[in-house]
Amino acid sequence: MIKIVLAVVLAASVLFSYEMDYTKDTECLVRHFKVYKDPKWVAKIELNNGKKVFFSSPKSMIEFYHQPGKWFDVGVKSEDDFKEILVTDFSTLKPINAKGAFYVYGANVTSPAGDDLTPFATYDLAEAYSKTHNGKRIMHFNEISNALIRLLNGRI
């Protein structure tokens, strides 16, 4: 059943054209980095009210996802406020649906935010990258806990 759901999510992410529409002035909400400086790591959450929130990495985006109240000025009360969650596929550099992506944990490549989770559109791409870059595990979005993000941030 999970494979069917993942296949549907992946197919939907291929059918829809996503856009990372940031400028040279766009900053990561969490880290305050200019996101254009390392485009292969950019993530975005678009809210139902039309506001777009950018992140310098998947880790930063997921940190916000798990604790949106920490940035109360954004006005997010729950996941229901999220319209679209995107990450950049590390191999194609194209925006993909974050919830349908596969994330490599423990690789020897770091993002501007440090140790991170490297996103891919397919399991095969994630697996190939994991083998090449000493990845420890391939995870789906719903497996990434706030505790893991705190660990990656050195807060545990």
C-alpha atoms as a PDB file:
ATOM      1  CA  MET A   1       0.000   0.000   0.000  1.00  0.00           C
ATOM      2  CA  ILE A   2       2.809   2.417   0.899  1.00  0.00           C
ATOM      3  CA  LYS A   3       4.486   1.726  -2.458  1.00  0.00           C
ATOM      4  CA  ILE A   4       1.257   2.619  -4.264  1.00  0.00           C
ATOM      5  CA  VAL A   5       0.919   5.878  -2.325  1.00  0.00           C
ATOM      6  CA  LEU A   6       4.560   6.747  -3.020  1.00  0.00           C
ATOM      7  CA  ALA A   7       4.102   5.961  -6.712  1.00  0.00           C
ATOM      8  CA  VAL A   8       1.047   8.237  -6.888  1.00  0.00           C
ATOM      9  CA  VAL A   9       2.877  11.063  -5.083  1.00  0.00           C
ATOM     10  CA  LEU A  10       5.890  10.648  -7.370  1.00  0.00           C
ATOM     11  CA  ALA A  11       3.708  10.617 -10.487  1.00  0.00           C
ATOM     12  CA  ALA A  12       1.884  13.725  -9.302  1.00  0.00           C
ATOM     13  CA  SER A  13       5.164  15.511  -8.643  1.00  0.00           C
ATOM     14  CA  VAL A  14       6.313  14.719 -12.187  1.00  0.00           C
ATOM     15  CA  LEU A  15       3.064  15.973 -13.719  1.00  0.00           C
ATOM     16  CA  PHE A  16       3.081  19.305 -11.919  1.00  0.00           C
ATOM     17  CA  SER A  17       5.616  21.957 -12.751  1.00  0.00           C
ATOM     18  CA  TYR A  18       7.105  23.491  -9.638  1.00  0.00           C
ATOM     19  CA  GLU A  19       9.051  26.721  -9.396  1.00  0.00           C
ATOM     20  CA  MET A  20      11.719  28.053  -7.047  1.00  0.00           C
ATOM     21  CA  ASP A  21      11.047  31.728  -7.671  1.00  0.00           C
ATOM     22  CA  TYR A  22      13.616  33.387  -5.425  1.00  0.00           C
ATOM     23  CA  THR A  23      15.786  36.439  -6.101  1.00  0.00           C
ATOM     24  CA  LYS A  24      19.267  37.497  -4.997  1.00  0.00           C
ATOM     25  CA  ASP A  25      17.627  39.177  -1.997  1.00  0.00           C
ATOM     26  CA  THR A  26      15.715  36.092  -0.806  1.00  0.00           C
ATOM     27  CA  GLU A  27      16.886  34.883   2.602  1.00  0.00           C
ATOM     28  CA  CYS A  28      16.423  31.624   4.448  1.00  0.00           C
ATOM     29  CA  LEU A  29      13.862  32.156   7.197  1.00  0.00           C
ATOM     30  CA  VAL A  30      15.777  29.984   9.663  1.00  0.00           C
ATOM     31  CA  ARG A  31      19.461  30.696   8.902  1.00  0.00           C
ATOM     32  CA  HIS A  32      19.200  34.140   7.240  1.00  0.00           C
ATOM     33  CA  PHE A  33      21.502  33.056   4.367  1.00  0.00           C
ATOM     34  CA  LYS A  34      20.936  34.278   0.814  1.00  0.00           C
ATOM     35  CA  VAL A  35      19.456  31.177  -0.823  1.00  0.00           C
ATOM     36  CA  TYR A  36      20.677  31.951  -4.359  1.00  0.00           C
ATOM     37  CA  LYS A  37      24.285  31.300  -3.297  1.00  0.00           C
ATOM     38  CA  ASP A  38      23.740  27.526  -3.222  1.00  0.00           C
ATOM     39  CA  PRO A  39      20.680  26.721  -5.355  1.00  0.00           C
ATOM     40  CA  LYS A  40      21.047  22.942  -5.161  1.00  0.00           C
ATOM     41  CA  TRP A  41      19.909  23.060  -1.526  1.00  0.00           C
ATOM     42  CA  VAL A  42      16.975  25.533  -1.722  1.00  0.00           C
ATOM     43  CA  ALA A  43      13.602  24.553  -0.258  1.00  0.00           C
ATOM     44  CA  LYS A  44      10.316  26.458  -0.190  1.00  0.00           C
ATOM     45  CA  ILE A  45       6.974  26.376   1.563  1.00  0.00           C
ATOM     46  CA  GLU A  46       4.129  28.278  -0.058  1.00  0.00           C
ATOM     47  CA  LEU A  47       1.306  29.141   2.296  1.00  0.00           C
ATOM     48  CA  ASN A  48      -2.402  29.171   1.505  1.00  0.00           C
ATOM     49  CA  ASN A  49      -2.378  32.964   1.884  1.00  0.00           C
ATOM     50  CA  GLY A  50       0.120  33.223  -1.006  1.00  0.00           C
ATOM     51  CA  LYS A  51       3.192  33.956   1.105  1.00  0.00           C
ATOM     52  CA  LYS A  52       6.354  32.067   0.105  1.00  0.00           C
ATOM     53  CA  VAL A  53       8.932  31.078   2.694  1.00  0.00           C
ATOM     54  CA  PHE A  54      12.394  30.019   1.496  1.00  0.00           C
ATOM     55  CA  PHE A  55      15.069  27.937   3.168  1.00  0.00           C
ATOM     56  CA  SER A  56      18.776  27.363   2.559  1.00  0.00           C
ATOM     57  CA  SER A  57      18.354  23.597   2.911  1.00  0.00           C
ATOM     58  CA  PRO A  58      15.858  20.788   3.471  1.00  0.00           C
ATOM     59  CA  LYS A  59      16.962  20.593   7.113  1.00  0.00           C
ATOM     60  CA  SER A  60      16.037  24.244   7.681  1.00  0.00           C
ATOM     61  CA  MET A  61      12.683  23.761   5.961  1.00  0.00           C
ATOM     62  CA  ILE A  62      11.864  20.676   8.028  1.00  0.00           C
ATOM     63  CA  GLU A  63      12.910  22.498  11.200  1.00  0.00           C
ATOM     64  CA  PHE A  64      10.287  25.127  10.350  1.00  0.00           C
ATOM     65  CA  TYR A  65       7.778  22.433   9.340  1.00  0.00           C
ATOM     66  CA  HIS A  66       8.006  20.779  12.769  1.00  0.00           C
ATOM     67  CA  GLN A  67       8.010  24.034  14.782  1.00  0.00           C
ATOM     68  CA  PRO A  68       6.318  26.812  12.788  1.00  0.00           C
ATOM     69  CA  GLY A  69       5.317  28.635  15.970  1.00  0.00           C
ATOM     70  CA  LYS A  70       8.985  29.406  16.601  1.00  0.00           C
ATOM     71  CA  TRP A  71       8.664  31.920  13.736  1.00  0.00           C
ATOM     72  CA  PHE A  72       5.318  33.357  14.830  1.00  0.00           C
ATOM     73  CA  ASP A  73       5.612  36.357  12.486  1.00  0.00           C
ATOM     74  CA  VAL A  74       5.051  34.022   9.503  1.00  0.00           C
ATOM     75  CA  GLY A  75       1.537  33.344  10.785  1.00  0.00           C
ATOM     76  CA  VAL A  76       1.471  29.555  10.473  1.00  0.00           C
ATOM     77  CA  LYS A  77      -0.702  27.785  13.021  1.00  0.00           C
ATOM     78  CA  SER A  78      -0.691  24.263  11.587  1.00  0.00           C
ATOM     79  CA  GLU A  79       0.212  22.152   8.586  1.00  0.00           C
ATOM     80  CA  ASP A  80      -3.187  23.109   7.138  1.00  0.00           C
ATOM     81  CA  ASP A  81      -1.665  26.526   6.362  1.00  0.00           C
ATOM     82  CA  PHE A  82       0.821  24.925   3.918  1.00  0.00           C
ATOM     83  CA  LYS A  83      -0.204  24.897   0.259  1.00  0.00           C
ATOM     84  CA  GLU A  84       2.996  23.478  -1.254  1.00  0.00           C
ATOM     85  CA  ILE A  85       6.277  22.155   0.146  1.00  0.00           C
ATOM     86  CA  LEU A  86       9.210  21.917  -2.263  1.00  0.00           C
ATOM     87  CA  VAL A  87      12.845  20.854  -2.183  1.00  0.00           C
ATOM     88  CA  THR A  88      15.452  20.865  -4.940  1.00  0.00           C
ATOM     89  CA  ASP A  89      16.341  17.455  -6.376  1.00  0.00           C
ATOM     90  CA  PHE A  90      20.089  17.224  -5.782  1.00  0.00           C
ATOM     91  CA  SER A  91      20.786  15.426  -9.077  1.00  0.00           C
ATOM     92  CA  THR A  92      18.561  17.356 -11.500  1.00  0.00           C
ATOM     93  CA  LEU A  93      18.396  20.693  -9.613  1.00  0.00           C
ATOM     94  CA  LYS A  94      14.660  20.795 -10.326  1.00  0.00           C
ATOM     95  CA  PRO A  95      12.039  21.570  -7.668  1.00  0.00           C
ATOM     96  CA  ILE A  96      10.130  18.515  -6.461  1.00  0.00           C
ATOM     97  CA  ASN A  97       7.357  17.807  -3.968  1.00  0.00           C
ATOM     98  CA  ALA A  98       9.090  17.510  -0.579  1.00  0.00           C
ATOM     99  CA  LYS A  99       6.621  14.939   0.737  1.00  0.00           C
ATOM    100  CA  GLY A 100       7.308  12.625  -2.209  1.00  0.00           C
ATOM    101  CA  ALA A 101      11.096  12.984  -2.098  1.00  0.00           C
ATOM    102  CA  PHE A 102      13.667  10.545  -0.760  1.00  0.00           C
ATOM    103  CA  TYR A 103      16.272  11.970   1.626  1.00  0.00           C
ATOM    104  CA  VAL A 104      19.786  10.669   2.215  1.00  0.00           C
ATOM    105  CA  TYR A 105      20.895  10.912   5.832  1.00  0.00           C
ATOM    106  CA  GLY A 106      24.547  10.763   6.907  1.00  0.00           C
ATOM    107  CA  ALA A 107      26.237  11.571   3.596  1.00  0.00           C
ATOM    108  CA  ASN A 108      29.674  13.186   3.533  1.00  0.00           C
ATOM    109  CA  VAL A 109      28.364  16.259   1.681  1.00  0.00           C
ATOM    110  CA  THR A 110      27.146  19.237   3.704  1.00  0.00           C
ATOM    111  CA  SER A 111      24.739  22.047   2.879  1.00  0.00           C
ATOM    112  CA  PRO A 112      25.204  25.721   3.790  1.00  0.00           C
ATOM    113  CA  ALA A 113      23.419  24.770   7.040  1.00  0.00           C
ATOM    114  CA  GLY A 114      25.891  21.961   7.849  1.00  0.00           C
ATOM    115  CA  ASP A 115      24.932  18.290   8.121  1.00  0.00           C
ATOM    116  CA  ASP A 116      21.728  17.881   6.157  1.00  0.00           C
ATOM    117  CA  LEU A 117      19.311  15.591   4.351  1.00  0.00           C
ATOM    118  CA  THR A 118      19.982  15.380   0.605  1.00  0.00           C
ATOM    119  CA  PRO A 119      16.719  15.181  -1.425  1.00  0.00           C
ATOM    120  CA  PHE A 120      16.031  13.172  -4.585  1.00  0.00           C
ATOM    121  CA  ALA A 121      12.940  12.556  -6.702  1.00  0.00           C
ATOM    122  CA  THR A 122      13.489   8.791  -6.882  1.00  0.00           C
ATOM    123  CA  TYR A 123      14.745   6.093  -4.577  1.00  0.00           C
ATOM    124  CA  ASP A 124      17.232   4.933  -7.222  1.00  0.00           C
ATOM    125  CA  LEU A 125      18.876   8.369  -7.409  1.00  0.00           C
ATOM    126  CA  ALA A 126      19.020   8.549  -3.612  1.00  0.00           C
ATOM    127  CA  GLU A 127      20.507   5.067  -3.400  1.00  0.00           C
ATOM    128  CA  ALA A 128      23.202   5.809  -5.996  1.00  0.00           C
ATOM    129  CA  TYR A 129      24.132   9.033  -4.192  1.00  0.00           C
ATOM    130  CA  SER A 130      24.114   7.263  -0.828  1.00  0.00           C
ATOM    131  CA  LYS A 131      26.575   4.634  -2.076  1.00  0.00           C
ATOM    132  CA  THR A 132      28.877   7.269  -3.568  1.00  0.00           C
ATOM    133  CA  HIS A 133      28.765   9.644  -0.596  1.00  0.00           C
ATOM    134  CA  ASN A 134      28.716   7.265   2.369  1.00  0.00           C
ATOM    135  CA  GLY A 135      25.042   7.819   3.179  1.00  0.00           C
ATOM    136  CA  LYS A 136      23.739   5.941   6.202  1.00  0.00           C
ATOM    137  CA  ARG A 137      20.019   5.763   5.446  1.00  0.00           C
ATOM    138  CA  ILE A 138      17.411   6.765   2.867  1.00  0.00           C
ATOM    139  CA  MET A 139      14.317   8.284   4.414  1.00  0.00           C
ATOM    140  CA  HIS A 140      10.886   9.439   3.327  1.00  0.00           C
ATOM    141  CA  PHE A 141       9.548  12.821   4.479  1.00  0.00           C
ATOM    142  CA  ASN A 142       7.241  11.363   7.119  1.00  0.00           C
ATOM    143  CA  GLU A 143      10.183   9.541   8.732  1.00  0.00           C
ATOM    144  CA  ILE A 144      12.085  12.762   9.466  1.00  0.00           C
ATOM    145  CA  SER A 145      11.428  13.718  13.062  1.00  0.00           C
ATOM    146  CA  ASN A 146      12.105  16.934  14.901  1.00  0.00           C
ATOM    147  CA  ALA A 147      14.575  14.933  17.033  1.00  0.00           C
ATOM    148  CA  LEU A 148      16.579  14.059  13.903  1.00  0.00           C
ATOM    149  CA  ILE A 149      16.665  17.728  12.883  1.00  0.00           C
ATOM    150  CA  ARG A 150      17.895  18.655  16.373  1.00  0.00           C
ATOM    151  CA  LEU A 151      20.578  15.952  16.076  1.00  0.00           C
ATOM    152  CA  LEU A 152      21.712  17.314  12.701  1.00  0.00           C
ATOM    153  CA  ASN A 153      21.833  20.792  14.239  1.00  0.00           C
ATOM    154  CA  GLY A 154      23.962  19.516  17.134  1.00  0.00           C
ATOM    155  CA  ARG A 155      21.241  20.226  19.697  1.00  0.00           C
ATOM    156  CA  ILE A 156      21.013  16.754  21.238  1.00  0.00           C
END
